[in-house]
Protein backbone atom coordinates (compact mmCIF):
# COMPACT_ATOMS: atom_id res chain seq x y z
CA MET A 1 -8.38 51.05 47.81
CA LYS A 2 -6.24 53.30 50.10
CA ASN A 3 -3.06 52.04 48.39
CA HIS A 4 -4.58 52.48 44.96
CA ARG A 5 -5.47 56.09 45.76
CA ALA A 6 -1.94 56.73 47.08
CA PHE A 7 -0.43 55.32 43.87
CA GLN A 8 -2.69 57.45 41.72
CA GLN A 9 -1.64 60.47 43.63
CA MET A 10 2.01 59.54 43.05
CA LEU A 11 1.34 59.09 39.34
CA GLN A 12 -0.45 62.43 39.05
CA SER A 13 2.30 64.22 40.88
CA ALA A 14 4.85 62.74 38.55
CA LYS A 15 2.88 63.93 35.55
CA GLU A 16 2.63 67.45 36.96
CA ARG A 17 6.44 67.56 37.57
CA ILE A 18 7.06 66.63 33.90
CA CYS A 19 5.21 69.83 32.85
CA LEU A 20 7.59 71.95 34.87
CA HIS A 21 10.41 71.12 32.38
CA ALA A 22 10.77 72.13 28.72
CA PRO A 23 10.32 68.96 26.71
CA GLU A 24 13.54 69.64 24.73
CA LYS A 25 15.55 69.76 27.98
CA ILE A 26 13.96 66.52 29.23
CA ALA A 27 15.00 64.81 25.92
CA GLN A 28 18.52 66.21 26.07
CA LYS A 29 19.12 64.98 29.72
CA SER A 30 17.25 61.61 29.49
CA GLY A 31 18.18 60.27 26.06
CA ALA A 32 14.55 60.17 25.02
CA VAL A 33 13.54 61.77 21.70
CA PHE A 34 10.98 64.47 21.66
CA HIS A 35 8.83 64.76 18.51
CA GLU A 36 7.41 68.24 18.18
CA THR A 37 4.96 67.07 15.49
CA GLY A 38 2.51 65.12 17.66
CA SER A 39 4.10 66.40 20.89
CA PHE A 40 5.44 63.17 22.34
CA PHE A 41 8.58 61.50 23.77
CA GLU A 42 9.85 58.26 22.43
CA LEU A 43 12.28 55.99 24.19
CA GLN A 44 13.29 52.45 24.42
CA SER A 45 12.68 50.41 27.67
CA LEU A 46 14.00 46.86 27.47
CA ASN A 47 12.31 45.18 24.38
CA GLN A 48 9.69 47.98 23.87
CA LYS A 49 9.62 51.33 22.16
CA ILE A 50 7.38 53.59 24.16
CA ARG A 51 5.66 56.86 23.34
CA ILE A 52 4.60 59.30 26.08
CA THR A 53 2.53 62.27 25.05
CA TYR A 54 3.36 65.75 26.39
CA PRO A 55 1.95 67.24 28.53
CA ASP A 56 -0.79 64.79 29.35
CA CYS A 57 1.60 61.85 29.67
CA ILE A 58 -0.46 59.14 27.91
CA PHE A 59 1.55 55.99 27.19
CA GLN A 60 1.51 53.90 24.10
CA PRO A 61 1.56 50.95 24.23
CA GLN A 62 0.01 50.47 27.68
CA ILE A 63 2.46 49.15 30.26
CA ASP A 64 2.40 48.25 33.93
CA GLU A 65 1.53 51.14 36.12
CA TRP A 66 4.69 50.95 38.21
CA HIS A 67 6.72 50.90 34.99
CA LYS A 68 4.95 54.12 33.92
CA LEU A 69 5.71 55.78 37.22
CA VAL A 70 9.38 54.85 37.01
CA ILE A 71 9.67 56.24 33.48
CA LEU A 72 7.97 59.56 34.54
CA HIS A 73 10.35 59.85 37.47
CA TYR A 74 13.31 59.12 35.18
CA LEU A 75 12.12 61.92 32.71
CA ASP A 76 11.82 64.31 35.64
CA LEU A 77 15.07 63.44 37.45
CA ALA A 78 17.55 62.78 34.63
CA ASP A 79 20.43 65.25 34.66
CA GLY A 80 22.38 64.01 31.66
CA THR A 81 25.29 62.60 33.61
CA VAL A 82 27.48 60.30 31.46
CA VAL A 83 26.50 56.66 32.07
CA SER A 84 29.13 54.81 34.01
CA SER A 85 30.07 51.30 33.01
CA GLN A 86 31.10 50.58 36.58
CA MET A 87 28.64 48.12 38.23
CA ILE A 88 27.61 48.48 41.90
CA SER A 89 25.05 46.79 44.07
CA PHE A 90 21.67 48.40 44.80
CA GLY A 91 22.89 48.71 48.42
CA ALA A 92 25.68 50.93 47.25
CA LEU A 93 23.33 53.54 45.74
CA LYS A 94 22.67 56.78 47.59
CA ASP A 95 20.33 55.91 50.61
CA GLY A 96 20.53 52.32 49.51
CA LEU A 97 22.01 50.92 52.76
CA ILE A 98 18.79 49.54 54.09
CA ARG A 99 16.34 49.37 51.20
CA GLY A 100 18.91 48.54 48.52
CA SER A 101 20.79 45.96 50.69
CA LYS A 102 17.53 44.15 51.47
CA PHE A 103 16.67 44.13 47.75
CA ASP A 104 20.19 42.68 46.95
CA ARG A 105 19.63 39.83 49.36
CA ASP A 106 16.03 39.11 48.30
CA THR A 107 16.94 39.22 44.62
CA GLU A 108 19.75 36.63 44.92
CA SER A 109 17.14 34.17 46.14
CA MET A 110 14.70 34.99 43.33
CA ILE A 111 17.34 34.72 40.68
CA GLN A 112 18.49 31.35 42.02
CA LYS A 113 14.95 30.02 41.65
CA LEU A 114 14.63 31.63 38.19
CA LEU A 115 17.77 29.91 36.97
CA ALA A 116 17.09 26.55 38.45
CA GLY A 117 17.15 23.65 35.96
CA LYS A 118 17.88 25.91 32.94
CA THR A 119 20.62 25.51 30.43
CA GLN A 120 22.94 28.36 29.40
CA GLU A 121 21.14 28.54 26.07
CA GLN A 122 17.73 28.82 27.75
CA ILE A 123 18.97 31.58 30.07
CA CYS A 124 20.42 33.38 27.08
CA GLU A 125 17.11 33.28 25.19
CA ILE A 126 15.13 34.49 28.26
CA CYS A 127 17.36 37.51 28.63
CA LYS A 128 17.41 38.33 24.92
CA CYS A 129 13.60 38.48 24.93
CA LEU A 130 14.00 41.67 27.02
CA GLY A 131 16.53 43.19 24.71
CA ALA A 132 19.61 42.07 26.69
CA GLU A 133 23.08 41.91 25.25
CA PHE A 134 25.85 39.84 26.75
CA VAL A 135 29.20 41.23 27.72
CA LYS A 136 32.47 39.73 28.98
CA ASP A 137 32.75 39.47 32.64
CA ARG A 138 34.31 37.41 35.43
CA ALA A 139 30.96 35.73 35.90
CA ASP A 140 30.01 32.88 33.61
CA MET A 141 27.41 35.10 31.86
CA CYS A 142 26.66 38.77 32.15
CA ALA A 143 23.59 40.26 30.54
CA ILE A 144 23.08 44.05 30.21
CA PHE A 145 19.47 45.16 30.00
CA PRO A 146 18.64 48.56 28.44
CA PHE A 147 15.96 49.48 30.99
CA LEU A 148 15.96 53.08 29.99
CA PRO A 149 18.30 55.07 27.61
CA HIS A 150 20.76 56.07 30.43
CA TYR A 151 19.77 53.28 32.89
CA PRO A 152 21.34 49.98 32.22
CA VAL A 153 20.91 46.98 34.59
CA TRP A 154 23.27 44.00 34.61
CA LEU A 155 22.52 40.40 35.51
CA LYS A 156 25.62 38.52 36.48
CA ILE A 157 25.18 34.71 36.29
CA TRP A 158 27.26 31.85 37.68
CA LEU A 159 26.14 28.54 36.18
CA ALA A 160 25.47 25.40 38.17
CA ASP A 161 28.27 22.90 38.66
CA GLU A 162 28.72 19.72 40.75
CA GLU A 163 28.93 21.63 43.99
CA PHE A 164 26.72 24.69 43.62
CA ASP A 165 23.34 25.68 42.11
CA ALA A 166 23.18 28.38 39.49
CA SER A 167 23.17 31.85 41.06
CA GLY A 168 23.10 35.46 39.98
CA LYS A 169 23.12 39.10 41.06
CA LEU A 170 21.41 42.22 39.66
CA MET A 171 23.79 45.23 39.42
CA ILE A 172 23.23 48.83 38.64
CA SER A 173 25.39 51.61 37.12
CA LYS A 174 27.36 53.82 39.35
CA SER A 175 25.62 56.80 37.67
CA ALA A 176 22.18 55.47 38.52
CA ASP A 177 21.63 58.02 41.30
CA HIS A 178 21.56 60.80 38.65
CA TYR A 179 18.50 59.32 37.12
CA LEU A 180 16.31 57.65 39.76
CA THR A 181 15.93 57.49 43.56
CA ILE A 182 16.66 54.24 45.55
CA GLU A 183 12.99 53.45 45.70
CA ASP A 184 12.70 53.77 41.95
CA ALA A 185 15.85 51.74 41.43
CA VAL A 186 14.32 48.88 43.53
CA THR A 187 11.14 49.12 41.44
CA VAL A 188 13.19 48.84 38.28
CA GLY A 189 14.78 45.63 39.73
CA GLU A 190 11.41 44.20 40.69
CA ILE A 191 9.90 44.96 37.22
CA LEU A 192 12.84 43.25 35.58
CA ILE A 193 12.77 40.17 37.66
CA SER A 194 8.97 39.92 37.30
CA MET A 195 9.34 40.13 33.48
CA LEU A 196 12.13 37.50 33.48
CA LYS A 197 9.89 35.12 35.50
CA ALA A 198 6.97 35.66 33.17
CA ILE A 199 9.03 34.71 30.10
CA SER A 200 10.66 31.71 31.80
CA ASN A 201 7.37 30.17 32.87
């Protein structure tokens, strides 16, 4: 119950911070679209188009509470920096040495389990279910997920061979620090992995 109360306080604080910004400025910096008629933001997150009313921050459709919190933080923190196509690890983010590096290590294990026994075609279909597109890369496969308008996440995959099991790494844009904190970035990664698991089961 204590954790639930703490989370609700974080959510309420995030909603209050949104109200400190002009909605047009939020839209300009975040890549969301603000509709004056109806007073709501609209943005794409993975495979979903999401509406967030302003100023009361009601989401439609309903999504996971942590996903809501990350989106609110994104709308609050976005500064409009051009999105970098350079991929870095979570550990390379600002303040990511401890929290991000641990997430990098933990994620590699989770991705390995996620990929086990799956063909390249099956992996491709799972990723596409979340709106991913595939780009050329030194890895065998590289999926780019549009988590938020200016917040891509990459999944680099090396397919299994006679010697090694399939493996993968989640990567983030070098510009990610201009949109979310390290704690939010890790939450983004956890949400993405969780959704990939749910689709693959």
